[in-house]
Amino acid sequence: MAKWTPEHEAPEPLEGPVVATITGGTILWFVLFLVQIPFYGWFAERELDWWVWTCLAGGGLGLIGIWYVRKRDAAIRRTKAARGSG
């Protein structure tokens, strides 16, 4: 059986507003957490309280994601500036 090899070169990855996307998602997770807090008893009665904590975890991980993509974005800018002046 022949090993599969791609016939075409892979396209470059798309770069978009990564920081804005991650920030928006993080805000959404925190909003979902805040919306569910008043209904925590309802969730707990049905053993669905993990939904509330999942939203909080998503917001917390989103904060780490914001930190990461901002550092990445700054590193990309530094690299481009170094190549341009060098």
C-alpha atoms as a PDB file:
ATOM      1  CA  MET A   1       0.000   0.000   0.000  1.00  0.00           C
ATOM      2  CA  ALA A   2       1.420   3.366  -1.018  1.00  0.00           C
ATOM      3  CA  LYS A   3       1.947   6.085   1.541  1.00  0.00           C
ATOM      4  CA  TRP A   4      -0.251   9.106   0.932  1.00  0.00           C
ATOM      5  CA  THR A   5       1.571  12.339   0.156  1.00  0.00           C
ATOM      6  CA  PRO A   6      -0.094  15.673  -0.539  1.00  0.00           C
ATOM      7  CA  GLU A   7       0.015  16.870  -4.127  1.00  0.00           C
ATOM      8  CA  HIS A   8      -0.203  20.543  -3.224  1.00  0.00           C
ATOM      9  CA  GLU A   9       1.610  22.690  -0.721  1.00  0.00           C
ATOM     10  CA  ALA A  10      -0.418  23.625   2.344  1.00  0.00           C
ATOM     11  CA  PRO A  11      -1.684  27.220   2.389  1.00  0.00           C
ATOM     12  CA  GLU A  12      -0.359  29.736   4.892  1.00  0.00           C
ATOM     13  CA  PRO A  13      -2.413  29.950   8.099  1.00  0.00           C
ATOM     14  CA  LEU A  14      -4.882  32.805   8.273  1.00  0.00           C
ATOM     15  CA  GLU A  15      -4.023  35.558  10.721  1.00  0.00           C
ATOM     16  CA  GLY A  16      -6.981  37.472  12.023  1.00  0.00           C
ATOM     17  CA  PRO A  17      -7.843  39.521  15.080  1.00  0.00           C
ATOM     18  CA  VAL A  18      -6.712  36.790  17.481  1.00  0.00           C
ATOM     19  CA  VAL A  19      -6.564  38.968  20.608  1.00  0.00           C
ATOM     20  CA  ALA A  20     -10.046  40.356  19.967  1.00  0.00           C
ATOM     21  CA  THR A  21     -11.453  36.883  19.322  1.00  0.00           C
ATOM     22  CA  ILE A  22     -10.023  35.407  22.525  1.00  0.00           C
ATOM     23  CA  THR A  23     -11.110  38.463  24.541  1.00  0.00           C
ATOM     24  CA  GLY A  24     -14.644  38.228  23.168  1.00  0.00           C
ATOM     25  CA  GLY A  25     -14.848  34.532  23.996  1.00  0.00           C
ATOM     26  CA  THR A  26     -13.553  35.135  27.515  1.00  0.00           C
ATOM     27  CA  ILE A  27     -16.130  37.861  28.105  1.00  0.00           C
ATOM     28  CA  LEU A  28     -18.844  35.500  26.837  1.00  0.00           C
ATOM     29  CA  TRP A  29     -17.771  32.766  29.293  1.00  0.00           C
ATOM     30  CA  PHE A  30     -17.847  35.205  32.222  1.00  0.00           C
ATOM     31  CA  VAL A  31     -21.261  36.567  31.162  1.00  0.00           C
ATOM     32  CA  LEU A  32     -22.632  33.023  30.990  1.00  0.00           C
ATOM     33  CA  PHE A  33     -21.242  32.362  34.465  1.00  0.00           C
ATOM     34  CA  LEU A  34     -22.880  35.505  35.874  1.00  0.00           C
ATOM     35  CA  VAL A  35     -26.204  34.710  34.212  1.00  0.00           C
ATOM     36  CA  GLN A  36     -26.247  31.211  35.728  1.00  0.00           C
ATOM     37  CA  ILE A  37     -25.333  32.199  39.290  1.00  0.00           C
ATOM     38  CA  PRO A  38     -28.903  33.201  40.279  1.00  0.00           C
ATOM     39  CA  PHE A  39     -30.105  29.778  39.116  1.00  0.00           C
ATOM     40  CA  TYR A  40     -27.414  27.784  40.904  1.00  0.00           C
ATOM     41  CA  GLY A  41     -29.990  26.021  43.102  1.00  0.00           C
ATOM     42  CA  TRP A  42     -31.924  24.862  40.052  1.00  0.00           C
ATOM     43  CA  PHE A  43     -28.736  23.495  38.489  1.00  0.00           C
ATOM     44  CA  ALA A  44     -27.671  21.826  41.753  1.00  0.00           C
ATOM     45  CA  GLU A  45     -31.054  20.088  42.200  1.00  0.00           C
ATOM     46  CA  ARG A  46     -30.652  18.467  38.803  1.00  0.00           C
ATOM     47  CA  GLU A  47     -26.951  17.694  39.327  1.00  0.00           C
ATOM     48  CA  LEU A  48     -26.071  20.141  36.546  1.00  0.00           C
ATOM     49  CA  ASP A  49     -24.066  22.542  38.702  1.00  0.00           C
ATOM     50  CA  TRP A  50     -20.995  21.625  36.645  1.00  0.00           C
ATOM     51  CA  TRP A  51     -22.432  23.904  33.919  1.00  0.00           C
ATOM     52  CA  VAL A  52     -21.876  26.908  36.165  1.00  0.00           C
ATOM     53  CA  TRP A  53     -18.325  25.879  37.033  1.00  0.00           C
ATOM     54  CA  THR A  54     -17.546  25.097  33.392  1.00  0.00           C
ATOM     55  CA  CYS A  55     -18.360  28.698  32.489  1.00  0.00           C
ATOM     56  CA  LEU A  56     -16.103  29.970  35.269  1.00  0.00           C
ATOM     57  CA  ALA A  57     -13.300  27.654  34.119  1.00  0.00           C
ATOM     58  CA  GLY A  58     -13.777  28.849  30.543  1.00  0.00           C
ATOM     59  CA  GLY A  59     -13.430  32.446  31.689  1.00  0.00           C
ATOM     60  CA  GLY A  60     -10.333  31.641  33.730  1.00  0.00           C
ATOM     61  CA  LEU A  61      -8.700  29.765  30.877  1.00  0.00           C
ATOM     62  CA  GLY A  62      -9.668  32.636  28.607  1.00  0.00           C
ATOM     63  CA  LEU A  63      -7.662  35.009  30.807  1.00  0.00           C
ATOM     64  CA  ILE A  64      -4.642  32.769  30.309  1.00  0.00           C
ATOM     65  CA  GLY A  65      -5.416  32.739  26.589  1.00  0.00           C
ATOM     66  CA  ILE A  66      -5.544  36.544  26.444  1.00  0.00           C
ATOM     67  CA  TRP A  67      -2.159  36.744  28.155  1.00  0.00           C
ATOM     68  CA  TYR A  68      -0.730  34.166  25.757  1.00  0.00           C
ATOM     69  CA  VAL A  69      -2.005  35.695  22.495  1.00  0.00           C
ATOM     70  CA  ARG A  70      -0.937  39.198  23.540  1.00  0.00           C
ATOM     71  CA  LYS A  71       2.590  37.911  24.201  1.00  0.00           C
ATOM     72  CA  ARG A  72       2.529  36.046  20.882  1.00  0.00           C
ATOM     73  CA  ASP A  73       1.292  39.102  19.006  1.00  0.00           C
ATOM     74  CA  ALA A  74       4.025  41.253  20.564  1.00  0.00           C
ATOM     75  CA  ALA A  75       6.679  38.666  19.634  1.00  0.00           C
ATOM     76  CA  ILE A  76       5.447  38.578  16.034  1.00  0.00           C
ATOM     77  CA  ARG A  77       5.609  42.379  15.854  1.00  0.00           C
ATOM     78  CA  ARG A  78       9.140  42.406  17.315  1.00  0.00           C
ATOM     79  CA  THR A  79      10.280  39.808  14.789  1.00  0.00           C
ATOM     80  CA  LYS A  80       8.803  41.757  11.882  1.00  0.00           C
ATOM     81  CA  ALA A  81      10.423  44.983  13.132  1.00  0.00           C
ATOM     82  CA  ALA A  82      13.811  43.261  13.515  1.00  0.00           C
ATOM     83  CA  ARG A  83      13.641  41.858   9.997  1.00  0.00           C
ATOM     84  CA  GLY A  84      12.606  45.218   8.590  1.00  0.00           C
ATOM     85  CA  SER A  85      15.477  47.147  10.186  1.00  0.00           C
ATOM     86  CA  GLY A  86      18.108  44.458   9.701  1.00  0.00           C
END
